[in-house]
Amino acid sequence: MRGARQKLARLKPVRVPDAPARAFRDLWPGDPARGARLLRGEFETLGTARILRIGLPGGEGWDSASGTAPWRAAAHGFAWMRDLRALGTDAARLHARALTDDWLVRGADEAVADAPEVVGSRLSAWLGHWDFFAATSEDAFRRAVMTRLAQDARDLSAALPAEAEHRGALAALKGAMAAAIALQEEAYLQRAARFLPAEIERQFHPDGGHVERSPLMQLVALQDLIEIRNLLHGAGMEPPPHLAAVLDRAAPALRLFRHGDGGLALFNGTRDEGSALLDLVLTQGQARGRAPLDLPETGFQRLQAGRTLVIADTGAPPTPRASAGGDGGLPAGADRFAHAGTLAFEMSVGRDRLIVNCGAAPAAEEAWRDALRATAAHSTLVLSDTNSSELRLEGLGRRPEQVETARHESGGAQWLEASHDGWRRAFGAVHRRRLYLAESGDDLRGEDMVEIPGDAPVPTFSLRFHLHPGVVASLLQDESAALLRLPSGIGWKIRAKGARVALEDSVYLGGEPRRSSQVVLLAEEGETSIQWAITRVSMPAPGTTPAVE
């Protein structure tokens, strides 16, 4: 149906003005370090950098052989304009023009360039940075950009609704609205506005969490809402009440995912975007109130006492209505970046992160991308070296269907009980996790159990606690506990019952890849549960022997 509408739309002549009728300005800061790399020909996005060559026959950057689908979608989406703009130099301006000109010649016909999510991103980027890269350029260049912009706006308007089950549909709507206002195409704007309320309802749960269950997508979708609100206000239109209502829920929901350092917890494709951007988004979103303690429909919990914070994934992965790939090879489901990390948690103390997940590289090649999506890359239980969800290129296959959670509080102490059945099909097993955070925040205790009906033997299992790279870990000689020293000098000890304590290498991809460690609790033979505790201790001076409590 969408393809038929687009074909009919393309039969109509498109009106191409000399310049956008309304000036826009991209709201969000770019990264000058990424901009400098782009000047050198290296485009980095979502944890993956590849060469983006321009003006060279057979050069890399736009075609299907140049990188993974997410990497190419980002390249064709032009959000990297803000990184070049952040440099504030003429060289950056000229490079933005050169890349755009090269894309018009060599990249515009690539299939991924026509995906609604990518078109919407590109329209928003071109209009948001028009004064930076196009306003003072030569007439022929401006005419070429405006012609493609007008064609994209016509085709995207005909393609609505975008039908993607993830944030991409929101990006398509935002781009269509921006182009409609810039081109003074009232019919385009009314069409996009008609689909907006339903899309907002589809994108966000009643608790304000985004359907992709990703802190990063929560942030990006909130940015989309803010931009759409500003676009409508600028056009003299009253935003639908759905928009204000979801902003009031989505902005506080973002706060649930923030650690003490202001950055995001690393669940489901998330990389740390830094506290300054989050502060700006929350300010622009006019967020009121503290972080909620839980997102019941989205499936996350926040335990906080003293200076200690625990953020836990206690929800089922999203189940898409369709699992086929979308336009241009882009995934179609809300599980496109989902990890096999059900019941994983992260822990921070003040501004220091202690227990983390390994992070993500959604635009990397499949092997590296899925290594970070695996259950073993998360701070949770791993049964028989098998993922709790089946990892597929377009999302997830087998996944937990029943995830149950109960929360209790008394006198400042907090309990969390959760379970999932992700291994039921393979082993008939259910994983149950109990967490207890004392009112002082100095004592986090847990128990992880593997339940299998009947007398069937329990497969081997382990618990993994990935440590932030800033944490220095040492193993006690009897392998009964590990000592952990935070950058602030505060000490913690992790010990276990029913398991041997080991220290292994790990990796952290909150940003640039960094070596780290993980504490692994290896279940003793015949055990069906492991009890463990992470408690604050007095650390000895460097070079002295620690006192075992």
Protein backbone atom coordinates (compact mmCIF):
# COMPACT_ATOMS: atom_id res chain seq x y z
CA MET A 1 0.00 0.00 0.00
CA ARG A 2 2.77 2.40 0.97
CA GLY A 3 4.69 1.62 -2.22
CA ALA A 4 1.61 2.32 -4.34
CA ARG A 5 1.10 5.70 -2.65
CA GLN A 6 4.73 6.61 -3.29
CA LYS A 7 4.51 5.65 -6.98
CA LEU A 8 1.41 7.80 -7.41
CA ALA A 9 3.07 10.69 -5.59
CA ARG A 10 6.09 10.54 -7.87
CA LEU A 11 3.88 11.11 -10.90
CA LYS A 12 3.12 14.59 -9.60
CA PRO A 13 5.57 17.45 -10.26
CA VAL A 14 7.40 18.67 -7.20
CA ARG A 15 7.72 22.35 -6.32
CA VAL A 16 11.31 23.32 -5.52
CA PRO A 17 11.79 26.70 -3.78
CA ASP A 18 15.15 28.45 -3.73
CA ALA A 19 15.59 27.95 0.03
CA PRO A 20 13.63 26.76 3.06
CA ALA A 21 10.82 29.15 3.94
CA ARG A 22 11.49 28.81 7.65
CA ALA A 23 14.86 28.73 9.40
CA PHE A 24 15.52 25.88 11.82
CA ARG A 25 18.39 25.26 14.16
CA ASP A 26 19.38 21.83 15.39
CA LEU A 27 18.87 21.77 19.16
CA TRP A 28 21.53 19.31 20.18
CA PRO A 29 25.31 19.69 20.59
CA GLY A 30 27.65 17.76 18.36
CA ASP A 31 30.85 15.97 19.31
CA PRO A 32 33.92 17.84 18.03
CA ALA A 33 36.08 14.73 18.47
CA ARG A 34 33.82 12.78 16.11
CA GLY A 35 33.80 15.79 13.80
CA ALA A 36 37.60 15.82 13.69
CA ARG A 37 37.65 12.12 12.83
CA LEU A 38 35.14 12.74 10.05
CA LEU A 39 37.41 15.43 8.63
CA ARG A 40 40.09 12.72 8.42
CA GLY A 41 37.66 10.46 6.55
CA GLU A 42 36.56 8.26 9.45
CA PHE A 43 32.88 8.15 10.35
CA GLU A 44 32.07 6.77 13.82
CA THR A 45 28.58 5.89 14.97
CA LEU A 46 27.14 3.54 17.60
CA GLY A 47 30.59 2.35 18.60
CA THR A 48 31.82 1.55 15.10
CA ALA A 49 34.12 3.59 12.85
CA ARG A 50 34.66 3.02 9.14
CA ILE A 51 36.21 5.00 6.32
CA LEU A 52 33.89 7.45 4.55
CA ARG A 53 35.71 8.47 1.38
CA ILE A 54 34.45 11.16 -0.97
CA GLY A 55 35.17 12.01 -4.57
CA LEU A 56 37.06 8.79 -5.25
CA PRO A 57 35.92 6.22 -7.84
CA GLY A 58 34.89 3.13 -5.94
CA GLY A 59 35.41 4.91 -2.65
CA GLU A 60 33.76 3.58 0.48
CA GLY A 61 30.93 5.09 2.42
CA TRP A 62 27.54 4.87 0.75
CA ASP A 63 27.13 1.50 -0.95
CA SER A 64 25.97 -1.76 0.63
CA ALA A 65 29.52 -3.15 0.82
CA SER A 66 30.74 -0.31 3.00
CA GLY A 67 29.32 -1.37 6.35
CA THR A 68 26.47 -2.86 8.32
CA ALA A 69 22.88 -1.69 7.82
CA PRO A 70 22.83 0.48 11.00
CA TRP A 71 26.15 2.09 10.07
CA ARG A 72 24.95 2.89 6.54
CA ALA A 73 21.61 4.17 7.83
CA ALA A 74 23.48 6.61 10.07
CA ALA A 75 25.72 7.70 7.20
CA HIS A 76 22.74 8.32 4.90
CA GLY A 77 20.82 10.00 7.75
CA PHE A 78 23.26 12.95 8.02
CA ALA A 79 22.93 13.47 11.79
CA TRP A 80 26.75 13.62 11.71
CA MET A 81 26.32 17.21 10.46
CA ARG A 82 26.13 18.36 14.09
CA ASP A 83 29.58 16.85 14.78
CA LEU A 84 31.15 18.83 11.93
CA ARG A 85 29.29 21.94 13.03
CA ALA A 86 30.68 21.50 16.55
CA LEU A 87 34.17 22.09 15.12
CA GLY A 88 33.16 25.61 14.06
CA THR A 89 35.69 25.83 11.23
CA ASP A 90 35.51 26.60 7.52
CA ALA A 91 37.16 23.27 6.83
CA ALA A 92 34.28 21.51 8.60
CA ARG A 93 31.73 23.53 6.62
CA LEU A 94 33.39 22.71 3.32
CA HIS A 95 33.65 19.04 4.27
CA ALA A 96 29.92 18.94 5.06
CA ARG A 97 29.23 20.35 1.59
CA ALA A 98 31.64 17.93 -0.06
CA LEU A 99 30.07 14.92 1.66
CA THR A 100 26.57 16.08 0.74
CA ASP A 101 27.57 16.69 -2.88
CA ASP A 102 29.21 13.27 -3.05
CA TRP A 103 26.10 11.66 -1.56
CA LEU A 104 23.90 13.32 -4.20
CA VAL A 105 26.13 11.83 -6.92
CA ARG A 106 27.03 8.42 -5.49
CA GLY A 107 24.75 7.66 -2.53
CA ALA A 108 21.29 8.96 -3.30
CA ASP A 109 20.22 5.85 -5.20
CA GLU A 110 21.14 3.37 -2.45
CA ALA A 111 18.12 1.46 -1.09
CA VAL A 112 18.83 2.40 2.53
CA ALA A 113 18.60 6.09 1.58
CA ASP A 114 14.86 5.66 0.89
CA ALA A 115 13.94 4.02 4.22
CA PRO A 116 11.43 6.34 5.97
CA GLU A 117 13.54 6.48 9.14
CA VAL A 118 16.62 7.49 7.15
CA VAL A 119 14.76 10.02 5.00
CA GLY A 120 13.26 11.62 8.10
CA SER A 121 16.66 11.88 9.75
CA ARG A 122 18.23 13.38 6.63
CA LEU A 123 15.48 15.98 6.18
CA SER A 124 15.81 17.03 9.83
CA ALA A 125 19.60 17.25 9.54
CA TRP A 126 19.64 19.25 6.30
CA LEU A 127 17.06 21.73 7.59
CA GLY A 128 18.58 21.96 11.06
CA HIS A 129 22.02 22.77 9.62
CA TRP A 130 21.01 24.67 6.48
CA ASP A 131 22.74 27.86 7.62
CA PHE A 132 25.91 25.88 8.34
CA PHE A 133 26.43 23.92 5.14
CA ALA A 134 24.14 25.32 2.41
CA ALA A 135 22.97 28.90 2.95
CA THR A 136 26.17 30.50 1.62
CA SER A 137 27.06 27.81 -0.93
CA GLU A 138 26.98 28.08 -4.72
CA ASP A 139 23.58 28.27 -6.41
CA ALA A 140 23.96 24.92 -8.17
CA PHE A 141 24.68 23.09 -4.91
CA ARG A 142 21.75 24.70 -3.09
CA ARG A 143 19.45 23.88 -6.00
CA ALA A 144 20.53 20.24 -5.98
CA VAL A 145 19.98 19.91 -2.24
CA MET A 146 16.59 21.63 -2.36
CA THR A 147 15.48 19.43 -5.26
CA ARG A 148 16.32 16.25 -3.37
CA LEU A 149 14.81 17.67 -0.18
CA ALA A 150 11.53 18.42 -1.96
CA GLN A 151 11.44 14.99 -3.58
CA ASP A 152 12.15 13.28 -0.27
CA ALA A 153 9.43 15.30 1.46
CA ARG A 154 6.87 14.31 -1.18
CA ASP A 155 7.81 10.62 -1.05
CA LEU A 156 7.99 10.51 2.75
CA SER A 157 4.60 12.15 3.13
CA ALA A 158 3.12 9.54 0.79
CA ALA A 159 4.86 6.76 2.77
CA LEU A 160 3.26 7.72 6.10
CA PRO A 161 2.57 6.02 8.39
CA ALA A 162 6.10 4.58 8.38
CA GLU A 163 4.93 1.23 9.84
CA ALA A 164 8.21 0.54 11.65
CA GLU A 165 7.74 -0.83 15.15
CA HIS A 166 10.57 1.19 16.63
CA ARG A 167 11.71 4.78 17.11
CA GLY A 168 12.33 5.07 13.35
CA ALA A 169 8.63 5.76 12.73
CA LEU A 170 8.87 8.79 15.02
CA ALA A 171 11.97 10.02 13.20
CA ALA A 172 10.08 9.73 9.89
CA LEU A 173 7.18 11.80 11.21
CA LYS A 174 9.51 14.46 12.59
CA GLY A 175 11.35 14.80 9.28
CA ALA A 176 8.12 14.95 7.32
CA MET A 177 6.83 17.76 9.56
CA ALA A 178 10.05 19.75 9.32
CA ALA A 179 10.10 19.49 5.53
CA ALA A 180 6.40 20.37 5.23
CA ILE A 181 6.94 23.56 7.23
CA ALA A 182 10.14 24.47 5.38
CA LEU A 183 8.50 23.91 1.97
CA GLN A 184 5.15 25.44 3.00
CA GLU A 185 3.35 22.26 2.00
CA GLU A 186 0.21 22.41 4.11
CA ALA A 187 -1.09 19.04 2.86
CA TYR A 188 2.12 17.27 3.96
CA LEU A 189 1.92 18.86 7.39
CA GLN A 190 -1.73 17.98 7.94
CA ARG A 191 -1.08 14.40 6.89
CA ALA A 192 1.82 14.00 9.33
CA ALA A 193 -0.12 15.70 12.14
CA ARG A 194 -3.01 13.29 11.59
CA PHE A 195 -0.77 10.28 12.28
CA LEU A 196 1.09 11.83 15.21
CA PRO A 197 -1.27 10.98 18.13
CA ALA A 198 -1.49 7.29 17.21
CA GLU A 199 2.26 7.07 16.71
CA ILE A 200 2.94 8.63 20.10
CA GLU A 201 0.63 6.11 21.76
CA ARG A 202 2.34 3.27 19.91
CA GLN A 203 5.86 4.42 20.78
CA PHE A 204 5.48 4.81 24.54
CA HIS A 205 4.11 2.64 27.33
CA PRO A 206 1.72 4.17 29.89
CA ASP A 207 4.65 4.51 32.34
CA GLY A 208 6.54 6.71 29.85
CA GLY A 209 9.08 4.08 28.81
CA HIS A 210 9.85 3.62 25.11
CA VAL A 211 8.83 0.38 23.41
CA GLU A 212 12.42 -0.56 22.53
CA ARG A 213 13.27 -0.83 26.25
CA SER A 214 16.57 0.92 25.63
CA PRO A 215 17.80 3.89 27.69
CA LEU A 216 19.46 5.27 24.54
CA MET A 217 16.24 5.01 22.52
CA GLN A 218 14.38 6.59 25.44
CA LEU A 219 16.74 9.56 25.12
CA VAL A 220 16.56 9.79 21.32
CA ALA A 221 12.77 9.40 21.18
CA LEU A 222 12.42 12.12 23.82
CA GLN A 223 14.56 14.37 21.63
CA ASP A 224 12.17 13.62 18.75
CA LEU A 225 9.16 14.64 20.84
CA ILE A 226 10.80 17.90 21.88
CA GLU A 227 11.67 18.76 18.28
CA ILE A 228 8.14 17.93 17.08
CA ARG A 229 6.64 20.13 19.80
CA ASN A 230 8.92 23.02 18.79
CA LEU A 231 8.12 22.53 15.10
CA LEU A 232 4.39 22.72 15.70
CA HIS A 233 4.73 25.75 17.93
CA GLY A 234 6.88 27.46 15.29
CA ALA A 235 4.25 26.74 12.66
CA GLY A 236 1.53 28.23 14.85
CA MET A 237 -0.13 24.88 15.45
CA GLU A 238 -1.28 23.58 18.81
CA PRO A 239 0.41 20.23 19.56
CA PRO A 240 -2.04 17.41 20.29
CA PRO A 241 -2.66 16.77 24.00
CA HIS A 242 -1.05 13.32 23.53
CA LEU A 243 2.31 15.05 23.01
CA ALA A 244 2.31 17.04 26.25
CA ALA A 245 1.03 14.02 28.17
CA VAL A 246 3.75 11.68 26.94
CA LEU A 247 6.46 14.29 27.51
CA ASP A 248 5.32 14.49 31.13
CA ARG A 249 5.85 10.71 31.44
CA ALA A 250 8.82 10.07 29.14
CA ALA A 251 11.16 12.69 30.62
CA PRO A 252 10.94 11.36 34.21
CA ALA A 253 11.26 7.82 32.83
CA LEU A 254 14.61 8.80 31.34
CA ARG A 255 15.77 9.77 34.83
CA LEU A 256 15.28 6.20 36.05
CA PHE A 257 18.16 5.11 33.80
CA ARG A 258 20.68 7.70 35.06
CA HIS A 259 23.56 6.72 37.30
CA GLY A 260 25.14 9.00 39.88
CA ASP A 261 27.59 10.31 37.26
CA GLY A 262 24.63 11.51 35.17
CA GLY A 263 25.11 8.97 32.37
CA LEU A 264 22.87 6.15 31.20
CA ALA A 265 22.78 2.55 32.33
CA LEU A 266 23.90 0.19 29.57
CA PHE A 267 20.90 -1.92 28.58
CA ASN A 268 19.72 -2.97 25.10
CA GLY A 269 22.07 -1.22 22.71
CA THR A 270 22.84 1.75 24.94
CA ARG A 271 26.11 3.62 25.01
CA ASP A 272 26.84 6.43 27.44
CA GLU A 273 25.96 9.74 25.79
CA GLY A 274 27.30 11.85 28.66
CA SER A 275 25.50 13.81 31.33
CA ALA A 276 25.56 17.21 29.56
CA LEU A 277 23.29 16.02 26.73
CA LEU A 278 20.90 14.36 29.16
CA ASP A 279 20.72 17.53 31.24
CA LEU A 280 19.92 19.56 28.12
CA VAL A 281 17.23 17.13 26.94
CA LEU A 282 15.56 17.07 30.36
CA THR A 283 15.65 20.88 30.48
CA GLN A 284 14.17 21.19 26.98
CA GLY A 285 11.59 18.56 27.89
CA GLN A 286 10.61 20.60 30.95
CA ALA A 287 10.91 17.44 33.04
CA ARG A 288 9.48 17.72 36.51
CA GLY A 289 9.83 15.40 39.47
CA ARG A 290 12.33 12.78 40.54
CA ALA A 291 13.18 9.55 38.82
CA PRO A 292 10.42 6.96 39.29
CA LEU A 293 11.30 3.84 41.27
CA ASP A 294 9.93 1.54 38.60
CA LEU A 295 8.57 1.43 35.07
CA PRO A 296 6.03 -1.38 35.44
CA GLU A 297 4.99 -1.69 31.78
CA THR A 298 8.47 -1.12 30.36
CA GLY A 299 10.06 -3.42 32.94
CA PHE A 300 12.83 -1.65 34.88
CA GLN A 301 13.42 -1.11 38.60
CA ARG A 302 15.50 1.40 40.54
CA LEU A 303 16.69 0.64 44.07
CA GLN A 304 18.37 3.50 45.93
CA ALA A 305 19.62 3.85 49.50
CA GLY A 306 22.37 6.06 50.86
CA ARG A 307 24.77 6.70 48.00
CA THR A 308 24.10 3.32 46.36
CA LEU A 309 21.96 2.91 43.25
CA VAL A 310 20.86 -0.33 41.53
CA ILE A 311 19.10 -0.31 38.14
CA ALA A 312 17.65 -3.67 37.07
CA ASP A 313 16.08 -5.03 33.88
CA THR A 314 12.96 -6.85 35.06
CA GLY A 315 10.87 -6.91 31.88
CA ALA A 316 10.29 -9.22 28.93
CA PRO A 317 12.00 -8.26 25.66
CA PRO A 318 9.63 -6.60 23.18
CA THR A 319 7.79 -9.02 20.90
CA PRO A 320 7.40 -7.47 17.43
CA ARG A 321 4.37 -8.01 15.25
CA ALA A 322 6.71 -8.77 12.35
CA SER A 323 10.28 -9.98 12.23
CA ALA A 324 11.09 -9.36 8.58
CA GLY A 325 13.68 -6.76 7.63
CA GLY A 326 12.45 -3.28 6.84
CA ASP A 327 13.25 -0.95 3.96
CA GLY A 328 16.88 -0.89 2.92
CA GLY A 329 17.78 -3.80 5.15
CA LEU A 330 16.84 -1.99 8.36
CA PRO A 331 15.27 -4.13 11.10
CA ALA A 332 11.52 -3.76 11.54
CA GLY A 333 10.90 -4.75 15.15
CA ALA A 334 11.14 -2.98 18.49
CA ASP A 335 13.65 -5.69 19.46
CA ARG A 336 16.16 -4.61 16.78
CA PHE A 337 18.80 -3.64 19.37
CA ALA A 338 17.59 -5.91 22.19
CA HIS A 339 20.14 -7.83 24.26
CA ALA A 340 19.82 -11.20 26.02
CA GLY A 341 20.22 -9.51 29.40
CA THR A 342 16.97 -10.23 31.23
CA LEU A 343 17.32 -9.69 35.01
CA ALA A 344 20.73 -8.03 34.63
CA PHE A 345 21.51 -5.08 36.90
CA GLU A 346 23.99 -2.23 37.25
CA MET A 347 25.20 -0.64 40.48
CA SER A 348 26.85 2.69 41.22
CA VAL A 349 28.01 4.38 44.41
CA GLY A 350 27.86 8.16 44.24
CA ARG A 351 29.52 9.12 40.97
CA ASP A 352 31.43 5.83 40.71
CA ARG A 353 30.04 2.95 38.68
CA LEU A 354 30.75 -0.44 40.23
CA ILE A 355 28.73 -3.21 38.54
CA VAL A 356 27.96 -2.65 34.84
CA ASN A 357 26.98 -4.42 31.66
CA CYS A 358 29.54 -4.55 28.87
CA GLY A 359 27.84 -1.96 26.64
CA ALA A 360 27.03 -2.14 22.96
CA ALA A 361 28.19 -1.66 19.39
CA PRO A 362 24.93 -1.84 17.38
CA ALA A 363 26.60 -0.82 14.11
CA ALA A 364 29.44 -3.34 14.35
CA GLU A 365 29.80 -6.54 12.35
CA GLU A 366 27.52 -9.32 13.55
CA ALA A 367 30.06 -11.32 15.59
CA TRP A 368 31.24 -8.37 17.69
CA ARG A 369 27.75 -6.88 17.95
CA ASP A 370 26.29 -10.15 19.23
CA ALA A 371 29.15 -10.81 21.64
CA LEU A 372 28.02 -7.68 23.47
CA ARG A 373 24.35 -8.67 23.21
CA ALA A 374 24.99 -12.10 24.78
CA THR A 375 23.80 -12.97 28.28
CA ALA A 376 27.42 -13.45 29.38
CA ALA A 377 28.10 -9.76 28.62
CA HIS A 378 25.59 -8.76 31.31
CA SER A 379 25.63 -8.86 35.09
CA THR A 380 23.26 -11.75 35.53
CA LEU A 381 23.05 -15.57 35.55
CA VAL A 382 24.25 -17.63 32.58
CA LEU A 383 22.90 -21.18 32.24
CA SER A 384 24.99 -23.77 30.37
CA ASP A 385 26.72 -21.02 28.33
CA THR A 386 23.38 -20.39 26.57
CA ASN A 387 21.77 -17.02 25.95
CA SER A 388 18.47 -16.32 27.69
CA SER A 389 17.21 -14.95 24.34
CA GLU A 390 18.20 -16.16 20.89
CA LEU A 391 20.19 -13.49 19.06
CA ARG A 392 19.29 -12.81 15.45
CA LEU A 393 20.46 -10.12 13.06
CA GLU A 394 17.03 -8.48 12.93
CA GLY A 395 16.32 -8.81 16.66
CA LEU A 396 15.56 -11.80 18.87
CA GLY A 397 14.21 -15.28 18.22
CA ARG A 398 13.41 -17.34 21.30
CA ARG A 399 13.01 -15.05 24.30
CA PRO A 400 11.56 -15.00 27.83
CA GLU A 401 7.79 -14.99 27.66
CA GLN A 402 7.01 -14.74 31.37
CA VAL A 403 8.95 -12.21 33.43
CA GLU A 404 7.50 -11.64 36.88
CA THR A 405 8.50 -8.99 39.41
CA ALA A 406 7.55 -8.11 42.98
CA ARG A 407 8.95 -5.23 45.00
CA HIS A 408 8.84 -4.64 48.77
CA GLU A 409 10.08 -1.83 51.01
CA SER A 410 10.32 -1.49 54.78
CA GLY A 411 12.22 0.98 56.93
CA GLY A 412 14.27 2.19 53.98
CA ALA A 413 15.37 -1.34 52.95
CA GLN A 414 14.21 -2.62 49.56
CA TRP A 415 13.61 -6.12 48.20
CA LEU A 416 13.19 -7.14 44.59
CA GLU A 417 12.07 -10.59 43.46
CA ALA A 418 12.06 -11.40 39.76
CA SER A 419 12.03 -14.43 37.47
CA HIS A 420 12.13 -15.27 33.77
CA ASP A 421 11.55 -18.41 31.69
CA GLY A 422 13.99 -17.76 28.85
CA TRP A 423 15.59 -21.21 29.30
CA ARG A 424 12.32 -23.12 29.69
CA ARG A 425 12.25 -24.36 26.11
CA ALA A 426 15.86 -25.57 26.10
CA PHE A 427 16.23 -26.83 29.68
CA GLY A 428 12.81 -26.56 31.32
CA ALA A 429 14.43 -24.01 33.65
CA VAL A 430 13.32 -20.80 35.33
CA HIS A 431 15.79 -18.24 36.67
CA ARG A 432 14.76 -16.52 39.92
CA ARG A 433 16.72 -13.57 41.28
CA ARG A 434 16.28 -11.89 44.66
CA LEU A 435 17.92 -8.59 45.52
CA TYR A 436 18.01 -6.84 48.90
CA LEU A 437 19.45 -3.35 49.43
CA ALA A 438 19.88 -2.32 53.08
CA GLU A 439 18.67 1.08 54.21
CA SER A 440 22.25 2.31 54.60
CA GLY A 441 23.10 1.43 51.00
CA ASP A 442 26.25 -0.35 52.22
CA ASP A 443 24.93 -3.89 51.78
CA LEU A 444 23.48 -5.43 48.59
CA ARG A 445 22.57 -9.09 48.91
CA GLY A 446 21.24 -11.48 46.32
CA GLU A 447 20.24 -15.02 45.60
CA ASP A 448 20.02 -16.55 42.15
CA MET A 449 18.21 -19.86 41.71
CA VAL A 450 17.70 -22.25 38.81
CA GLU A 451 14.41 -24.12 39.09
CA ILE A 452 13.86 -27.29 37.07
CA PRO A 453 10.79 -29.49 37.69
CA GLY A 454 11.28 -33.07 38.81
CA ASP A 455 14.62 -34.75 39.40
CA ALA A 456 16.33 -33.49 36.25
CA PRO A 457 19.91 -32.40 36.90
CA VAL A 458 20.61 -28.67 36.87
CA PRO A 459 22.98 -27.64 34.06
CA THR A 460 26.13 -25.80 35.01
CA PHE A 461 25.60 -22.10 35.66
CA SER A 462 27.47 -19.03 36.77
CA LEU A 463 26.84 -15.46 37.85
CA ARG A 464 28.74 -12.64 36.22
CA PHE A 465 29.38 -9.21 37.74
CA HIS A 466 31.12 -7.02 35.17
CA LEU A 467 33.14 -4.22 36.74
CA HIS A 468 33.58 -0.68 35.47
CA PRO A 469 37.15 -0.10 34.17
CA GLY A 470 37.76 2.31 37.04
CA VAL A 471 37.32 -0.48 39.59
CA VAL A 472 40.45 -2.31 40.81
CA ALA A 473 39.68 -5.92 41.77
CA SER A 474 41.73 -8.48 43.67
CA LEU A 475 40.87 -12.06 44.57
CA LEU A 476 41.38 -13.45 48.05
CA GLN A 477 43.73 -16.44 48.17
CA ASP A 478 41.05 -18.91 49.21
CA GLU A 479 38.76 -17.82 46.32
CA SER A 480 36.00 -17.04 48.80
CA ALA A 481 35.69 -13.33 47.96
CA ALA A 482 36.98 -10.48 45.82
CA LEU A 483 37.92 -6.99 46.99
CA LEU A 484 36.86 -4.03 44.84
CA ARG A 485 38.36 -0.55 45.09
CA LEU A 486 36.46 2.34 43.50
CA PRO A 487 38.24 5.38 42.00
CA SER A 488 37.15 7.35 45.08
CA GLY A 489 39.06 4.86 47.27
CA ILE A 490 35.93 3.32 48.76
CA GLY A 491 36.18 -0.45 49.15
CA TRP A 492 33.62 -3.19 48.60
CA LYS A 493 33.77 -6.94 48.94
CA ILE A 494 31.84 -9.55 47.01
CA ARG A 495 31.50 -13.01 48.51
CA ALA A 496 29.32 -16.02 47.79
CA LYS A 497 27.87 -19.22 49.19
CA GLY A 498 27.44 -22.23 46.92
CA ALA A 499 29.99 -21.00 44.38
CA ARG A 500 33.68 -20.47 43.77
CA VAL A 501 34.71 -16.86 43.23
CA ALA A 502 36.87 -16.15 40.17
CA LEU A 503 38.24 -13.03 38.50
CA GLU A 504 38.26 -12.89 34.69
CA ASP A 505 38.89 -10.35 31.94
CA SER A 506 36.04 -8.30 30.51
CA VAL A 507 35.51 -5.36 28.16
CA TYR A 508 33.58 -2.12 28.55
CA LEU A 509 31.98 -0.30 25.62
CA GLY A 510 30.15 2.53 27.31
CA GLY A 511 32.20 4.71 24.97
CA GLU A 512 35.63 3.86 23.57
CA PRO A 513 36.50 0.17 24.17
CA ARG A 514 38.32 -0.33 27.48
CA ARG A 515 39.67 -3.38 29.24
CA SER A 516 37.95 -4.28 32.48
CA SER A 517 37.39 -7.22 34.83
CA GLN A 518 34.48 -9.35 35.94
CA VAL A 519 33.82 -11.31 39.09
CA VAL A 520 32.43 -14.73 38.18
CA LEU A 521 30.63 -16.96 40.67
CA LEU A 522 30.91 -20.56 39.46
CA ALA A 523 28.19 -22.75 40.97
CA GLU A 524 29.45 -25.76 42.85
CA GLU A 525 28.39 -29.17 41.60
CA GLY A 526 24.84 -30.08 42.62
CA GLU A 527 23.92 -26.55 43.69
CA THR A 528 20.69 -25.01 42.44
CA SER A 529 21.25 -21.57 43.92
CA ILE A 530 24.01 -19.09 44.74
CA GLN A 531 23.76 -16.62 47.59
CA TRP A 532 26.00 -13.60 47.34
CA ALA A 533 26.65 -10.24 48.99
CA ILE A 534 28.34 -7.00 47.95
CA THR A 535 29.21 -5.04 51.07
CA ARG A 536 31.20 -1.93 51.84
CA VAL A 537 34.49 -2.53 53.68
CA SER A 538 37.41 -0.51 54.98
CA MET A 539 40.17 -0.71 52.40
CA PRO A 540 43.81 -1.01 53.55
CA ALA A 541 46.50 1.32 52.37
CA PRO A 542 48.15 0.21 49.11
CA GLY A 543 50.81 -2.42 49.72
CA THR A 544 49.33 -3.70 52.97
CA THR A 545 47.43 -6.91 53.61
CA PRO A 546 43.65 -6.48 53.66
CA ALA A 547 41.72 -7.59 56.71
CA VAL A 548 39.11 -10.19 55.86
CA GLU A 549 35.84 -9.50 57.64
